[in-house]
């Protein structure tokens, strides 16, 4: 279920899942980004990362002994949608991906073979990684005043041993497509989405509201300190995870996304089709999609 790690995290309950009884999993992933048909440059960035335990054999007298890779393996997925003039958004999103990767490189190896009691530590590490990236953006802006105000969304997912951890800020999204149903895991941190949650605006009105793209919670921006939304859930065989920027969801409704994920079982073909159809609908923003399928 979803769990918050500190008072600065957002708690969003998710349904309880039964403990997994599956064999070790295999993950097939693919990511793709496109500038769309309107924007002059692409300020989105993504990363698909595999973390493995490695035994490097540098020297031995034992014949036929080579370096070995252990199991289980961890898988990290990230999508960042930058914002800010003069290509500052591109800088913010790229800097965030690099900072997160570097920060977690020396911590995630502790998260293999997780026990339930240790899972809150994983969520705390991810929260710390986003806070570190937020600080790094402000440090860069101090050194380069022309980048002042730059910011980025970030949606991050880490999968290991049928467990999925999600950290999120902004209006990019994480979806889980399971048993034929598409479920949005993350909330949109926008002014209009908050009005809908409070009941002061209907979803139909929100779709055409002039401030529907006003993001209220990002890394960077004009005020330091990001509110990290955290989730933890259990995966099942044939589940599909989709991380995407709002350039996709602004063009395609959830029903269409679910149809594409149903018809395209290969992550690469699913990404190609998602982005092609978003462009066919206007491509008004940069479009990024990372699709991952989990198999026993």
Protein backbone atom coordinates (compact mmCIF):
# COMPACT_ATOMS: atom_id res chain seq x y z
CA UNK A 1 0.00 0.00 0.00
CA UNK A 2 0.99 3.61 -0.31
CA UNK A 3 3.09 5.01 2.52
CA UNK A 4 4.47 8.42 3.39
CA UNK A 5 7.94 8.63 4.86
CA UNK A 6 7.93 12.03 6.57
CA UNK A 7 5.66 14.96 7.22
CA UNK A 8 6.78 16.48 3.92
CA UNK A 9 5.50 13.56 1.87
CA UNK A 10 2.04 13.15 0.39
CA UNK A 11 0.11 10.09 1.54
CA UNK A 12 -2.20 8.50 -1.03
CA UNK A 13 -3.77 5.16 -0.03
CA UNK A 14 -3.64 2.35 -2.55
CA UNK A 15 -5.43 -1.00 -2.22
CA UNK A 16 -3.70 -3.72 -0.23
CA UNK A 17 -2.25 -6.45 -2.41
CA UNK A 18 -1.69 -10.09 -1.59
CA UNK A 19 1.95 -11.11 -0.98
CA UNK A 20 3.66 -12.26 -4.17
CA UNK A 21 4.35 -15.95 -4.69
CA UNK A 22 5.96 -15.65 -8.12
CA UNK A 23 9.39 -16.63 -9.36
CA UNK A 24 12.02 -13.94 -10.00
CA UNK A 25 10.82 -11.44 -12.56
CA UNK A 26 12.02 -10.35 -15.97
CA UNK A 27 11.52 -6.75 -17.07
CA UNK A 28 11.31 -5.60 -20.67
CA UNK A 29 11.48 -1.82 -20.97
CA UNK A 30 11.73 0.90 -23.58
CA UNK A 31 11.68 4.69 -23.44
CA UNK A 32 11.14 7.32 -26.12
CA UNK A 33 10.91 11.11 -26.19
CA UNK A 34 9.81 13.49 -28.95
CA UNK A 35 9.57 17.28 -29.13
CA UNK A 36 6.07 17.13 -30.62
CA UNK A 37 4.76 19.30 -33.43
CA UNK A 38 4.62 22.72 -31.77
CA UNK A 39 7.52 23.24 -29.35
CA UNK A 40 10.86 24.31 -30.88
CA UNK A 41 12.92 22.12 -28.51
CA UNK A 42 12.50 19.09 -26.28
CA UNK A 43 12.76 19.80 -22.53
CA UNK A 44 11.77 16.25 -21.50
CA UNK A 45 14.30 13.66 -20.38
CA UNK A 46 14.00 10.03 -19.30
CA UNK A 47 16.15 7.14 -18.10
CA UNK A 48 15.78 3.36 -17.93
CA UNK A 49 18.34 1.85 -15.55
CA UNK A 50 19.13 -1.70 -14.44
CA UNK A 51 21.01 -2.24 -11.19
CA UNK A 52 22.79 -5.54 -10.64
CA UNK A 53 25.00 -7.10 -8.03
CA UNK A 54 28.36 -7.72 -9.65
CA UNK A 55 31.32 -9.80 -8.56
CA UNK A 56 34.37 -8.57 -10.49
CA UNK A 57 37.20 -11.10 -10.72
CA UNK A 58 40.39 -9.14 -11.35
CA UNK A 59 42.87 -11.93 -10.69
CA UNK A 60 42.63 -15.59 -9.65
CA UNK A 61 44.48 -18.86 -9.93
CA UNK A 62 41.21 -20.77 -10.33
CA UNK A 63 40.63 -21.79 -13.98
CA UNK A 64 37.57 -20.52 -15.88
CA UNK A 65 36.51 -18.11 -13.15
CA UNK A 66 34.88 -15.00 -14.56
CA UNK A 67 33.00 -11.99 -13.24
CA UNK A 68 29.44 -12.86 -12.26
CA UNK A 69 26.16 -10.99 -12.01
CA UNK A 70 23.76 -11.76 -9.19
CA UNK A 71 20.00 -11.83 -8.86
CA UNK A 72 17.61 -10.19 -8.13
CA UNK A 73 18.09 -7.11 -10.22
CA UNK A 74 16.62 -3.71 -9.56
CA UNK A 75 15.08 -1.55 -12.28
CA UNK A 76 14.83 2.23 -12.14
CA UNK A 77 12.66 4.34 -14.46
CA UNK A 78 12.53 8.14 -14.58
CA UNK A 79 10.65 10.79 -16.58
CA UNK A 80 11.30 14.52 -16.12
CA UNK A 81 9.46 17.34 -17.89
CA UNK A 82 11.42 20.60 -17.69
CA UNK A 83 10.06 24.12 -17.60
CA UNK A 84 11.65 27.55 -17.95
CA UNK A 85 12.63 29.86 -20.78
CA UNK A 86 15.79 29.85 -22.89
CA UNK A 87 16.12 26.04 -22.69
CA UNK A 88 16.34 26.23 -18.89
CA UNK A 89 13.74 23.47 -18.61
CA UNK A 90 15.95 21.14 -20.59
CA UNK A 91 18.81 21.91 -18.20
CA UNK A 92 16.64 21.30 -15.12
CA UNK A 93 15.26 17.97 -16.31
CA UNK A 94 18.67 16.66 -17.41
CA UNK A 95 20.31 17.82 -14.19
CA UNK A 96 17.61 16.07 -12.17
CA UNK A 97 18.07 12.74 -13.98
CA UNK A 98 21.85 12.90 -13.45
CA UNK A 99 21.52 13.88 -9.79
CA UNK A 100 19.03 11.12 -9.02
CA UNK A 101 21.19 8.51 -10.76
CA UNK A 102 24.32 9.59 -8.89
CA UNK A 103 22.57 9.85 -5.54
CA UNK A 104 21.01 6.40 -5.75
CA UNK A 105 24.01 4.59 -7.23
CA UNK A 106 25.54 3.96 -3.83
CA UNK A 107 22.28 3.37 -1.96
CA UNK A 108 20.06 1.15 -4.07
CA UNK A 109 22.35 -1.85 -3.77
CA UNK A 110 21.09 -2.13 -0.18
CA UNK A 111 17.55 -2.67 -1.40
CA UNK A 112 17.88 -6.14 -2.91
CA UNK A 113 16.07 -8.92 -1.00
CA UNK A 114 13.98 -6.38 0.88
CA UNK A 115 12.12 -7.32 4.03
CA UNK A 116 8.82 -5.53 4.70
CA UNK A 117 10.35 -3.72 7.67
CA UNK A 118 13.01 -2.23 5.39
CA UNK A 119 10.68 -0.80 2.78
CA UNK A 120 10.22 2.52 4.55
CA UNK A 121 13.98 3.02 4.19
CA UNK A 122 13.68 2.75 0.41
CA UNK A 123 10.94 5.35 0.36
CA UNK A 124 12.97 7.68 2.56
CA UNK A 125 15.98 7.33 0.23
CA UNK A 126 13.86 8.26 -2.78
CA UNK A 127 12.44 11.25 -1.00
CA UNK A 128 15.98 12.32 -0.14
CA UNK A 129 17.04 11.88 -3.76
CA UNK A 130 14.31 14.24 -4.99
CA UNK A 131 15.14 16.80 -2.31
CA UNK A 132 18.80 16.61 -3.32
CA UNK A 133 17.91 17.16 -6.98
CA UNK A 134 15.73 20.14 -5.99
CA UNK A 135 18.68 21.70 -4.15
CA UNK A 136 21.01 20.97 -7.05
CA UNK A 137 18.77 22.92 -9.45
CA UNK A 138 18.90 25.98 -7.21
CA UNK A 139 22.69 25.67 -6.88
CA UNK A 140 22.99 25.66 -10.66
CA UNK A 141 20.72 28.68 -11.00
CA UNK A 142 22.90 30.64 -8.58
CA UNK A 143 25.93 29.95 -10.80
CA UNK A 144 23.98 30.75 -13.98
CA UNK A 145 21.47 33.58 -13.36
CA UNK A 146 19.99 33.13 -16.83
CA UNK A 147 18.58 29.82 -15.56
CA UNK A 148 16.80 31.35 -12.57
CA UNK A 149 13.32 29.88 -12.09
CA UNK A 150 14.00 26.71 -14.04
CA UNK A 151 12.22 23.63 -12.79
CA UNK A 152 11.09 20.15 -13.70
CA UNK A 153 8.55 17.51 -12.85
CA UNK A 154 9.86 14.08 -11.90
CA UNK A 155 8.15 10.72 -11.84
CA UNK A 156 10.38 7.87 -10.68
CA UNK A 157 9.70 4.16 -10.21
CA UNK A 158 11.93 1.46 -8.76
CA UNK A 159 11.05 -2.22 -9.15
CA UNK A 160 12.68 -5.14 -7.36
CA UNK A 161 11.39 -8.63 -6.51
CA UNK A 162 7.78 -7.83 -7.52
CA UNK A 163 7.73 -4.66 -5.41
CA UNK A 164 7.23 -1.24 -6.98
CA UNK A 165 8.14 2.07 -5.35
CA UNK A 166 7.05 5.36 -6.92
CA UNK A 167 8.24 8.90 -6.10
CA UNK A 168 6.57 11.82 -7.83
CA UNK A 169 6.30 15.60 -8.10
CA UNK A 170 4.50 17.56 -10.82
CA UNK A 171 2.08 16.58 -13.57
CA UNK A 172 3.93 13.80 -15.33
CA UNK A 173 2.27 10.49 -14.47
CA UNK A 174 2.79 6.87 -13.51
CA UNK A 175 0.17 4.35 -14.63
CA UNK A 176 -0.18 0.64 -13.89
CA UNK A 177 -1.94 -1.47 -16.52
CA UNK A 178 -2.99 -4.67 -14.73
CA UNK A 179 -5.60 -7.31 -15.62
CA UNK A 180 -6.88 -5.18 -18.47
CA UNK A 181 -7.40 -2.07 -16.31
CA UNK A 182 -5.39 1.16 -16.46
CA UNK A 183 -4.91 2.86 -13.10
CA UNK A 184 -3.24 6.22 -12.57
CA UNK A 185 -0.93 5.82 -9.58
CA UNK A 186 0.14 9.45 -9.17
CA UNK A 187 -1.79 12.66 -8.68
CA UNK A 188 -1.36 15.70 -10.91
CA UNK A 189 0.14 18.52 -8.86
CA UNK A 190 -1.62 21.32 -10.70
CA UNK A 191 -3.95 24.12 -9.67
CA UNK A 192 -6.83 22.73 -11.71
CA UNK A 193 -6.38 19.14 -10.45
CA UNK A 194 -6.49 20.40 -6.88
CA UNK A 195 -9.72 22.30 -7.64
CA UNK A 196 -11.23 19.08 -9.00
CA UNK A 197 -10.19 17.15 -5.87
CA UNK A 198 -11.81 19.84 -3.71
CA UNK A 199 -15.01 19.69 -5.74
CA UNK A 200 -14.88 23.31 -6.91
CA UNK A 201 -14.35 22.30 -10.53
CA UNK A 202 -15.71 19.38 -12.56
CA UNK A 203 -13.39 17.11 -14.57
CA UNK A 204 -15.12 18.30 -17.73
CA UNK A 205 -14.47 21.95 -16.87
CA UNK A 206 -10.88 21.09 -15.96
CA UNK A 207 -10.15 19.73 -19.45
CA UNK A 208 -10.57 23.20 -20.99
CA UNK A 209 -9.58 25.42 -18.06
CA UNK A 210 -7.03 28.11 -19.05
CA UNK A 211 -4.83 27.24 -16.04
CA UNK A 212 -4.91 23.45 -16.44
CA UNK A 213 -1.13 23.38 -17.04
CA UNK A 214 -0.20 25.48 -14.00
CA UNK A 215 1.98 23.12 -11.95
CA UNK A 216 2.05 23.73 -8.19
CA UNK A 217 4.78 21.33 -7.06
CA UNK A 218 8.05 20.84 -8.95
CA UNK A 219 11.77 20.42 -8.42
CA UNK A 220 13.34 23.83 -8.75
CA UNK A 221 11.12 26.71 -9.78
CA UNK A 222 10.99 29.89 -7.71
CA UNK A 223 10.78 28.36 -4.24
CA UNK A 224 13.03 25.66 -2.83
CA UNK A 225 11.45 22.62 -1.23
CA UNK A 226 9.55 19.93 -3.12
CA UNK A 227 6.65 17.86 -1.74
CA UNK A 228 7.35 14.22 -2.63
CA UNK A 229 4.41 11.91 -3.31
CA UNK A 230 5.26 8.30 -2.46
CA UNK A 231 3.67 4.94 -3.24
CA UNK A 232 4.49 1.29 -2.63
CA UNK A 233 2.60 -1.58 -4.26
CA UNK A 234 2.97 -5.19 -5.36
CA UNK A 235 3.30 -6.19 -9.01
CA UNK A 236 1.87 -9.23 -10.76
CA UNK A 237 3.02 -11.10 -13.90
CA UNK A 238 2.11 -9.27 -17.13
CA UNK A 239 1.65 -5.95 -15.36
CA UNK A 240 2.71 -2.96 -17.45
CA UNK A 241 4.10 0.26 -15.98
CA UNK A 242 3.84 3.50 -17.96
CA UNK A 243 5.69 6.67 -17.00
CA UNK A 244 4.92 9.65 -19.21
CA UNK A 245 4.96 13.42 -19.46
CA UNK A 246 1.80 15.47 -19.86
CA UNK A 247 2.56 15.85 -23.55
CA UNK A 248 1.12 12.34 -23.88
CA UNK A 249 -1.80 12.54 -21.47
CA UNK A 250 -2.81 15.95 -22.77
CA UNK A 251 -3.33 14.42 -26.22
CA UNK A 252 -4.62 10.91 -25.46
CA UNK A 253 -7.37 9.95 -23.00
CA UNK A 254 -6.76 7.07 -20.59
CA UNK A 255 -9.08 4.82 -22.60
CA UNK A 256 -6.92 5.20 -25.70
CA UNK A 257 -3.73 4.61 -23.74
CA UNK A 258 -5.21 1.40 -22.32
CA UNK A 259 -6.15 0.22 -25.80
CA UNK A 260 -2.63 0.76 -27.10
CA UNK A 261 -1.06 -1.07 -24.15
CA UNK A 262 -3.46 -3.95 -24.77
CA UNK A 263 -2.66 -4.21 -28.47
CA UNK A 264 1.10 -3.56 -28.28
CA UNK A 265 2.75 -6.09 -25.98
CA UNK A 266 6.30 -5.04 -26.88
CA UNK A 267 7.39 -1.93 -24.94
CA UNK A 268 9.18 -0.45 -27.95
CA UNK A 269 6.17 -0.73 -30.25
CA UNK A 270 3.91 0.61 -27.48
CA UNK A 271 6.12 3.70 -27.02
CA UNK A 272 6.29 4.32 -30.76
CA UNK A 273 2.54 4.10 -31.12
CA UNK A 274 1.77 6.24 -28.07
CA UNK A 275 3.97 9.05 -29.31
CA UNK A 276 2.79 8.74 -32.92
CA UNK A 277 -0.84 9.01 -31.87
CA UNK A 278 -0.15 11.94 -29.54
CA UNK A 279 1.49 13.75 -32.44
CA UNK A 280 -1.43 12.85 -34.70
CA UNK A 281 -3.74 14.54 -32.19
CA UNK A 282 -1.74 17.76 -32.36
CA UNK A 283 1.51 17.12 -30.46
CA UNK A 284 1.18 20.43 -28.60
CA UNK A 285 3.91 19.60 -26.08
CA UNK A 286 7.02 17.46 -25.73
CA UNK A 287 6.03 13.80 -25.44
CA UNK A 288 7.84 11.15 -23.39
CA UNK A 289 6.85 7.58 -22.56
CA UNK A 290 8.63 4.76 -20.72
CA UNK A 291 6.86 1.38 -20.92
CA UNK A 292 7.92 -1.61 -18.79
CA UNK A 293 6.39 -5.08 -18.81
CA UNK A 294 6.98 -7.43 -15.86
CA UNK A 295 7.08 -11.16 -16.52
CA UNK A 296 7.75 -14.24 -14.42
